[in-house]
N, C-alpha and C. Protein backbone atom coordinates (compact mmCIF):
# COMPACT_ATOMS: atom_id res chain seq x y z
N MET A 1 3.28 32.98 12.45
CA MET A 1 4.59 32.42 12.78
C MET A 1 4.75 31.08 12.07
N LYS A 2 5.90 30.89 11.46
CA LYS A 2 6.19 29.64 10.77
C LYS A 2 6.50 28.56 11.80
N PRO A 3 6.21 27.30 11.47
CA PRO A 3 6.41 26.22 12.44
C PRO A 3 7.88 25.86 12.65
N VAL A 4 8.13 25.27 13.82
CA VAL A 4 9.44 24.73 14.16
C VAL A 4 9.33 23.22 14.18
N ILE A 5 10.28 22.58 13.52
CA ILE A 5 10.32 21.12 13.48
C ILE A 5 11.36 20.66 14.49
N THR A 6 10.98 19.71 15.33
CA THR A 6 11.89 19.18 16.35
C THR A 6 12.20 17.73 16.05
N LEU A 7 13.49 17.42 15.99
CA LEU A 7 13.95 16.04 15.85
C LEU A 7 14.50 15.64 17.21
N GLU A 8 13.80 14.75 17.89
CA GLU A 8 14.26 14.26 19.18
C GLU A 8 14.94 12.92 18.95
N TYR A 9 16.19 12.82 19.38
CA TYR A 9 16.99 11.63 19.08
C TYR A 9 17.71 11.14 20.33
N CYS A 10 18.08 9.87 20.32
CA CYS A 10 18.81 9.27 21.42
C CYS A 10 20.32 9.46 21.19
N PRO A 11 20.97 10.29 22.01
CA PRO A 11 22.41 10.49 21.82
C PRO A 11 23.22 9.24 22.18
N LYS A 12 22.71 8.44 23.11
CA LYS A 12 23.42 7.22 23.52
C LYS A 12 23.44 6.19 22.40
N CYS A 13 22.46 6.28 21.50
CA CYS A 13 22.38 5.35 20.37
C CYS A 13 23.22 5.83 19.19
N GLY A 14 23.78 7.03 19.29
CA GLY A 14 24.62 7.56 18.22
C GLY A 14 23.82 8.11 17.04
N TRP A 15 22.65 8.65 17.30
CA TRP A 15 21.78 9.10 16.22
C TRP A 15 21.89 10.59 15.92
N LEU A 16 22.87 11.28 16.49
CA LEU A 16 23.05 12.70 16.22
C LEU A 16 23.33 12.95 14.74
N MET A 17 24.22 12.22 14.13
CA MET A 17 24.58 12.45 12.73
C MET A 17 23.39 12.22 11.81
N ARG A 18 22.62 11.18 12.06
CA ARG A 18 21.42 10.92 11.27
C ARG A 18 20.44 12.08 11.41
N SER A 19 20.27 12.56 12.64
CA SER A 19 19.36 13.67 12.90
C SER A 19 19.84 14.96 12.23
N ALA A 20 21.14 15.21 12.28
CA ALA A 20 21.71 16.41 11.66
C ALA A 20 21.54 16.36 10.14
N TRP A 21 21.73 15.20 9.55
CA TRP A 21 21.53 15.04 8.11
C TRP A 21 20.06 15.29 7.74
N MET A 22 19.15 14.72 8.53
CA MET A 22 17.72 14.95 8.27
C MET A 22 17.37 16.42 8.42
N ALA A 23 17.94 17.09 9.43
CA ALA A 23 17.69 18.52 9.63
C ALA A 23 18.16 19.31 8.42
N GLN A 24 19.31 18.97 7.89
CA GLN A 24 19.84 19.64 6.70
C GLN A 24 18.90 19.45 5.52
N GLU A 25 18.42 18.25 5.32
CA GLU A 25 17.48 17.97 4.22
C GLU A 25 16.19 18.77 4.38
N ILE A 26 15.68 18.82 5.60
CA ILE A 26 14.44 19.55 5.89
C ILE A 26 14.64 21.05 5.65
N LEU A 27 15.74 21.59 6.15
CA LEU A 27 16.01 23.02 5.97
C LEU A 27 16.18 23.38 4.49
N THR A 28 16.81 22.52 3.73
CA THR A 28 17.01 22.76 2.31
C THR A 28 15.69 22.73 1.55
N THR A 29 14.83 21.79 1.90
CA THR A 29 13.56 21.62 1.20
C THR A 29 12.52 22.65 1.60
N PHE A 30 12.49 23.03 2.87
CA PHE A 30 11.43 23.88 3.39
C PHE A 30 11.93 25.26 3.83
N THR A 31 12.90 25.80 3.13
CA THR A 31 13.51 27.08 3.48
C THR A 31 12.50 28.18 3.76
N ASP A 32 11.49 28.31 2.91
CA ASP A 32 10.52 29.39 3.04
C ASP A 32 9.29 29.02 3.87
N ASP A 33 9.20 27.76 4.30
CA ASP A 33 7.98 27.27 4.94
C ASP A 33 8.09 27.09 6.45
N ILE A 34 9.31 27.07 6.98
CA ILE A 34 9.48 26.79 8.41
C ILE A 34 10.37 27.84 9.06
N HIS A 35 10.21 27.96 10.37
CA HIS A 35 11.05 28.88 11.16
C HIS A 35 12.43 28.28 11.41
N GLY A 36 12.46 26.94 11.56
CA GLY A 36 13.73 26.27 11.80
C GLY A 36 13.55 24.83 12.22
N VAL A 37 14.67 24.17 12.44
CA VAL A 37 14.69 22.79 12.90
C VAL A 37 15.51 22.75 14.19
N MET A 38 14.96 22.10 15.20
CA MET A 38 15.66 21.97 16.47
C MET A 38 16.05 20.51 16.67
N LEU A 39 17.31 20.28 17.02
CA LEU A 39 17.77 18.95 17.39
C LEU A 39 17.72 18.86 18.91
N HIS A 40 16.98 17.87 19.39
CA HIS A 40 16.75 17.74 20.82
C HIS A 40 17.22 16.38 21.31
N PRO A 41 18.33 16.31 22.07
CA PRO A 41 18.78 15.04 22.63
C PRO A 41 17.76 14.54 23.65
N SER A 42 17.33 13.30 23.47
CA SER A 42 16.31 12.73 24.34
C SER A 42 16.95 12.10 25.58
N GLU A 43 16.22 12.16 26.66
CA GLU A 43 16.65 11.47 27.87
C GLU A 43 16.11 10.05 27.89
N ILE A 44 15.27 9.72 26.91
CA ILE A 44 14.67 8.39 26.82
C ILE A 44 15.46 7.58 25.81
N SER A 45 16.02 6.47 26.26
CA SER A 45 16.85 5.62 25.42
C SER A 45 16.06 5.08 24.23
N GLY A 46 16.68 5.15 23.06
CA GLY A 46 16.07 4.59 21.86
C GLY A 46 15.06 5.48 21.17
N ARG A 47 14.88 6.70 21.66
CA ARG A 47 13.86 7.58 21.09
C ARG A 47 14.36 8.27 19.82
N PHE A 48 13.50 8.29 18.82
CA PHE A 48 13.67 9.14 17.65
C PHE A 48 12.28 9.53 17.21
N SER A 49 11.96 10.81 17.34
CA SER A 49 10.64 11.27 16.93
C SER A 49 10.76 12.62 16.25
N VAL A 50 9.74 12.94 15.44
CA VAL A 50 9.70 14.20 14.72
C VAL A 50 8.39 14.88 15.09
N GLN A 51 8.49 16.16 15.45
CA GLN A 51 7.31 16.93 15.82
C GLN A 51 7.32 18.25 15.07
N ILE A 52 6.12 18.74 14.79
CA ILE A 52 5.96 20.08 14.23
C ILE A 52 5.16 20.87 15.24
N ASP A 53 5.78 21.87 15.83
CA ASP A 53 5.16 22.68 16.88
C ASP A 53 4.51 21.81 17.96
N GLY A 54 5.21 20.76 18.36
CA GLY A 54 4.73 19.89 19.43
C GLY A 54 3.80 18.77 18.98
N GLN A 55 3.39 18.77 17.72
CA GLN A 55 2.52 17.70 17.20
C GLN A 55 3.38 16.60 16.58
N LYS A 56 3.29 15.41 17.14
CA LYS A 56 4.10 14.29 16.65
C LYS A 56 3.64 13.87 15.26
N ILE A 57 4.60 13.78 14.33
CA ILE A 57 4.26 13.28 13.00
C ILE A 57 4.96 11.97 12.68
N PHE A 58 6.00 11.63 13.47
CA PHE A 58 6.66 10.33 13.28
C PHE A 58 7.33 9.92 14.58
N ASP A 59 7.23 8.62 14.90
CA ASP A 59 7.89 8.06 16.07
C ASP A 59 8.48 6.71 15.68
N ARG A 60 9.80 6.57 15.87
CA ARG A 60 10.50 5.35 15.47
C ARG A 60 9.96 4.11 16.16
N LYS A 61 9.67 4.20 17.45
CA LYS A 61 9.18 3.02 18.18
C LYS A 61 7.80 2.61 17.69
N GLU A 62 6.93 3.58 17.42
CA GLU A 62 5.59 3.26 16.92
C GLU A 62 5.65 2.64 15.53
N ALA A 63 6.53 3.18 14.68
CA ALA A 63 6.63 2.70 13.30
C ALA A 63 7.50 1.44 13.20
N GLY A 64 8.36 1.22 14.19
CA GLY A 64 9.26 0.07 14.15
C GLY A 64 10.44 0.26 13.22
N ARG A 65 10.72 1.52 12.86
CA ARG A 65 11.79 1.83 11.91
C ARG A 65 12.02 3.33 11.88
N PHE A 66 13.11 3.73 11.22
CA PHE A 66 13.35 5.13 10.95
C PHE A 66 12.58 5.53 9.70
N PRO A 67 12.23 6.81 9.57
CA PRO A 67 11.57 7.24 8.34
C PRO A 67 12.58 7.38 7.20
N GLU A 68 12.15 7.05 6.01
CA GLU A 68 12.95 7.39 4.82
C GLU A 68 12.84 8.91 4.67
N ILE A 69 13.86 9.55 4.13
CA ILE A 69 13.83 11.01 4.01
C ILE A 69 12.68 11.46 3.11
N LYS A 70 12.39 10.70 2.07
CA LYS A 70 11.28 11.02 1.18
C LYS A 70 9.96 11.03 1.96
N GLU A 71 9.76 10.01 2.77
CA GLU A 71 8.56 9.90 3.59
C GLU A 71 8.47 11.06 4.59
N LEU A 72 9.59 11.38 5.22
CA LEU A 72 9.60 12.45 6.22
C LEU A 72 9.25 13.79 5.57
N LYS A 73 9.82 14.06 4.40
CA LYS A 73 9.51 15.30 3.69
C LYS A 73 8.02 15.37 3.33
N GLN A 74 7.45 14.26 2.94
CA GLN A 74 6.03 14.24 2.61
C GLN A 74 5.17 14.53 3.84
N LEU A 75 5.53 13.92 4.97
CA LEU A 75 4.79 14.15 6.21
C LEU A 75 4.87 15.62 6.63
N ILE A 76 6.04 16.20 6.52
CA ILE A 76 6.22 17.60 6.89
C ILE A 76 5.45 18.49 5.92
N ARG A 77 5.59 18.25 4.64
CA ARG A 77 4.90 19.04 3.63
C ARG A 77 3.39 19.05 3.85
N ASP A 78 2.84 17.87 4.18
CA ASP A 78 1.40 17.76 4.38
C ASP A 78 0.89 18.65 5.50
N VAL A 79 1.77 19.03 6.43
CA VAL A 79 1.39 19.91 7.54
C VAL A 79 1.74 21.37 7.24
N VAL A 80 2.94 21.63 6.77
CA VAL A 80 3.40 23.02 6.66
C VAL A 80 3.02 23.71 5.36
N ASN A 81 2.88 22.95 4.27
CA ASN A 81 2.54 23.55 2.97
C ASN A 81 2.02 22.46 2.04
N PRO A 82 0.76 22.04 2.22
CA PRO A 82 0.20 20.92 1.45
C PRO A 82 0.26 21.10 -0.07
N GLU A 83 0.34 22.33 -0.54
CA GLU A 83 0.37 22.58 -1.99
C GLU A 83 1.79 22.49 -2.58
N LYS A 84 2.80 22.37 -1.73
CA LYS A 84 4.19 22.38 -2.18
C LYS A 84 4.51 21.10 -2.95
N SER A 85 5.15 21.25 -4.09
CA SER A 85 5.64 20.11 -4.85
C SER A 85 7.01 19.73 -4.31
N LEU A 86 7.21 18.44 -4.14
CA LEU A 86 8.51 17.94 -3.68
C LEU A 86 9.31 17.34 -4.82
N GLY A 87 8.89 17.59 -6.04
CA GLY A 87 9.61 17.09 -7.20
C GLY A 87 9.68 15.58 -7.19
N HIS A 88 10.89 15.04 -7.34
CA HIS A 88 11.06 13.59 -7.40
C HIS A 88 10.75 12.89 -6.09
N SER A 89 10.68 13.64 -5.00
CA SER A 89 10.35 13.05 -3.69
C SER A 89 8.85 12.98 -3.44
N ASP A 90 8.05 13.45 -4.39
CA ASP A 90 6.62 13.47 -4.19
C ASP A 90 6.00 12.09 -4.30
N LYS A 91 4.82 11.96 -3.71
CA LYS A 91 4.08 10.70 -3.76
C LYS A 91 3.76 10.35 -5.21
N LYS A 92 3.78 9.11 -5.50
CA LYS A 92 3.41 8.64 -6.85
C LYS A 92 2.00 8.14 -6.83
């Protein structure tokens, strides 16, 4: 079974659009590698985290910032398909 990526976001903070954009980027990049992306409104104020099948790979509060999309794609790739080239978004 291919993994599911969950973006948990704070709806009170207005982060739905940011989360939807990130979901679109993830789905476009990892079409053949993932089962899907789930947007999950958090009940915890200020939360933004990314999980792959329940394993946290990014947390805004821990990092003190939002992830850049390039960084997020690299983190996801490293879990779902480490051999995948991300083209211009790849690590230098």
